[in-house]
């Protein structure tokens, strides 16, 4: 089941789509590549499916924003929640 709503502009569609407390996945169907980039950037969701209803895969980062969670599972990004970055700067080692 998919909910469909009429809209007059991309801005209005984004406002309606983002007016939710959750943000796991969203979907956009278009042939306009410019619209793909504008809308996917404007959607406040962790995953965006373009012309497909299947967005999850073992190699893709899985996760959302807002009430749908923080961080990602799977892919190379899933480990980042468990890592601490340390910067080590070397000076003159010849002395």
C-alpha atoms as a PDB file:
ATOM      1  CA  UNK A   1       0.000   0.000   0.000  1.00  0.00           C
ATOM      2  CA  UNK A   2       1.377   3.418  -0.928  1.00  0.00           C
ATOM      3  CA  UNK A   3      -0.060   6.763   0.107  1.00  0.00           C
ATOM      4  CA  UNK A   4      -0.333   9.203  -2.792  1.00  0.00           C
ATOM      5  CA  UNK A   5      -0.740  12.950  -2.440  1.00  0.00           C
ATOM      6  CA  UNK A   6      -1.132  15.684  -5.047  1.00  0.00           C
ATOM      7  CA  UNK A   7       1.447  18.470  -5.031  1.00  0.00           C
ATOM      8  CA  UNK A   8       2.121  21.547  -7.134  1.00  0.00           C
ATOM      9  CA  UNK A   9       5.895  21.870  -6.797  1.00  0.00           C
ATOM     10  CA  UNK A  10       8.982  19.999  -5.639  1.00  0.00           C
ATOM     11  CA  UNK A  11       9.120  22.274  -2.626  1.00  0.00           C
ATOM     12  CA  UNK A  12       5.579  21.406  -1.610  1.00  0.00           C
ATOM     13  CA  UNK A  13       6.270  17.684  -2.108  1.00  0.00           C
ATOM     14  CA  UNK A  14       9.402  17.906   0.071  1.00  0.00           C
ATOM     15  CA  UNK A  15       7.519  19.803   2.774  1.00  0.00           C
ATOM     16  CA  UNK A  16       4.835  17.105   2.894  1.00  0.00           C
ATOM     17  CA  UNK A  17       7.348  14.250   2.796  1.00  0.00           C
ATOM     18  CA  UNK A  18       9.501  15.733   5.559  1.00  0.00           C
ATOM     19  CA  UNK A  19       6.556  16.578   7.849  1.00  0.00           C
ATOM     20  CA  UNK A  20       6.947  13.360   9.805  1.00  0.00           C
ATOM     21  CA  UNK A  21       8.730  12.231  12.955  1.00  0.00           C
ATOM     22  CA  UNK A  22      10.351   9.272  11.250  1.00  0.00           C
ATOM     23  CA  UNK A  23      12.934   9.185   8.512  1.00  0.00           C
ATOM     24  CA  UNK A  24      14.050   5.684   7.590  1.00  0.00           C
ATOM     25  CA  UNK A  25      13.423   5.476   3.847  1.00  0.00           C
ATOM     26  CA  UNK A  26      11.780   7.499   1.117  1.00  0.00           C
ATOM     27  CA  UNK A  27      11.187   6.953  -2.563  1.00  0.00           C
ATOM     28  CA  UNK A  28      11.059   9.135  -5.642  1.00  0.00           C
ATOM     29  CA  UNK A  29      10.076   8.187  -9.172  1.00  0.00           C
ATOM     30  CA  UNK A  30      11.258  10.445 -11.989  1.00  0.00           C
ATOM     31  CA  UNK A  31      13.182  10.435 -15.265  1.00  0.00           C
ATOM     32  CA  UNK A  32      14.651  13.896 -14.607  1.00  0.00           C
ATOM     33  CA  UNK A  33      18.198  13.434 -13.253  1.00  0.00           C
ATOM     34  CA  UNK A  34      18.276  17.004 -11.965  1.00  0.00           C
ATOM     35  CA  UNK A  35      15.135  16.306  -9.966  1.00  0.00           C
ATOM     36  CA  UNK A  36      16.723  13.113  -8.593  1.00  0.00           C
ATOM     37  CA  UNK A  37      19.567  15.112  -7.050  1.00  0.00           C
ATOM     38  CA  UNK A  38      17.424  18.033  -5.833  1.00  0.00           C
ATOM     39  CA  UNK A  39      14.758  15.856  -4.236  1.00  0.00           C
ATOM     40  CA  UNK A  40      17.086  13.237  -2.755  1.00  0.00           C
ATOM     41  CA  UNK A  41      19.139  16.038  -1.176  1.00  0.00           C
ATOM     42  CA  UNK A  42      15.998  17.682   0.219  1.00  0.00           C
ATOM     43  CA  UNK A  43      14.450  14.520   1.675  1.00  0.00           C
ATOM     44  CA  UNK A  44      15.138  14.125   5.397  1.00  0.00           C
ATOM     45  CA  UNK A  45      15.543  10.360   5.283  1.00  0.00           C
ATOM     46  CA  UNK A  46      18.451   7.999   5.786  1.00  0.00           C
ATOM     47  CA  UNK A  47      17.822   6.114   2.549  1.00  0.00           C
ATOM     48  CA  UNK A  48      16.285   7.237  -0.738  1.00  0.00           C
ATOM     49  CA  UNK A  49      15.116   4.849  -3.435  1.00  0.00           C
ATOM     50  CA  UNK A  50      15.062   6.307  -6.941  1.00  0.00           C
ATOM     51  CA  UNK A  51      12.732   4.468  -9.321  1.00  0.00           C
ATOM     52  CA  UNK A  52      12.824   1.384  -7.091  1.00  0.00           C
ATOM     53  CA  UNK A  53      11.090   0.157  -3.991  1.00  0.00           C
ATOM     54  CA  UNK A  54      14.018  -1.933  -2.795  1.00  0.00           C
ATOM     55  CA  UNK A  55      16.747   0.168  -1.198  1.00  0.00           C
ATOM     56  CA  UNK A  56      18.401  -2.164   1.293  1.00  0.00           C
ATOM     57  CA  UNK A  57      21.332  -4.416   0.539  1.00  0.00           C
ATOM     58  CA  UNK A  58      24.176  -5.948   2.538  1.00  0.00           C
ATOM     59  CA  UNK A  59      26.635  -3.506   0.946  1.00  0.00           C
ATOM     60  CA  UNK A  60      24.543  -0.374   1.508  1.00  0.00           C
ATOM     61  CA  UNK A  61      24.464   1.587   4.772  1.00  0.00           C
ATOM     62  CA  UNK A  62      21.119   0.927   6.502  1.00  0.00           C
ATOM     63  CA  UNK A  63      19.680   3.511   8.862  1.00  0.00           C
ATOM     64  CA  UNK A  64      17.500   6.534   9.255  1.00  0.00           C
ATOM     65  CA  UNK A  65      17.240   9.967  10.811  1.00  0.00           C
ATOM     66  CA  UNK A  66      14.837  11.647  13.242  1.00  0.00           C
ATOM     67  CA  UNK A  67      12.918   9.015  15.271  1.00  0.00           C
ATOM     68  CA  UNK A  68      14.195   6.298  12.938  1.00  0.00           C
ATOM     69  CA  UNK A  69      17.597   6.229  14.587  1.00  0.00           C
ATOM     70  CA  UNK A  70      21.087   7.564  14.403  1.00  0.00           C
ATOM     71  CA  UNK A  71      24.018   5.949  12.634  1.00  0.00           C
ATOM     72  CA  UNK A  72      24.167   3.182  10.103  1.00  0.00           C
ATOM     73  CA  UNK A  73      24.290  -0.608  10.136  1.00  0.00           C
ATOM     74  CA  UNK A  74      26.013  -2.739   7.551  1.00  0.00           C
ATOM     75  CA  UNK A  75      28.482  -1.697   4.889  1.00  0.00           C
ATOM     76  CA  UNK A  76      31.781  -0.102   5.844  1.00  0.00           C
ATOM     77  CA  UNK A  77      29.901   2.678   7.706  1.00  0.00           C
ATOM     78  CA  UNK A  78      28.357   0.364  10.309  1.00  0.00           C
ATOM     79  CA  UNK A  79      31.607   0.060  12.245  1.00  0.00           C
ATOM     80  CA  UNK A  80      32.016   3.823  12.673  1.00  0.00           C
ATOM     81  CA  UNK A  81      29.725   3.888  15.724  1.00  0.00           C
ATOM     82  CA  UNK A  82      32.301   1.759  17.550  1.00  0.00           C
ATOM     83  CA  UNK A  83      35.451   3.629  16.528  1.00  0.00           C
ATOM     84  CA  UNK A  84      37.266   6.578  18.033  1.00  0.00           C
ATOM     85  CA  UNK A  85      39.494   8.626  15.773  1.00  0.00           C
ATOM     86  CA  UNK A  86      42.894   9.576  17.124  1.00  0.00           C
ATOM     87  CA  UNK A  87      45.175  12.033  15.417  1.00  0.00           C
ATOM     88  CA  UNK A  88      48.914  11.446  15.895  1.00  0.00           C
ATOM     89  CA  UNK A  89      51.259  14.106  14.612  1.00  0.00           C
ATOM     90  CA  UNK A  90      54.948  13.229  14.233  1.00  0.00           C
ATOM     91  CA  UNK A  91      57.605  15.885  14.548  1.00  0.00           C
ATOM     92  CA  UNK A  92      61.276  15.563  13.815  1.00  0.00           C
ATOM     93  CA  UNK A  93      62.205  11.944  14.605  1.00  0.00           C
ATOM     94  CA  UNK A  94      65.893  12.341  13.757  1.00  0.00           C
ATOM     95  CA  UNK A  95      66.767  13.899  17.143  1.00  0.00           C
END
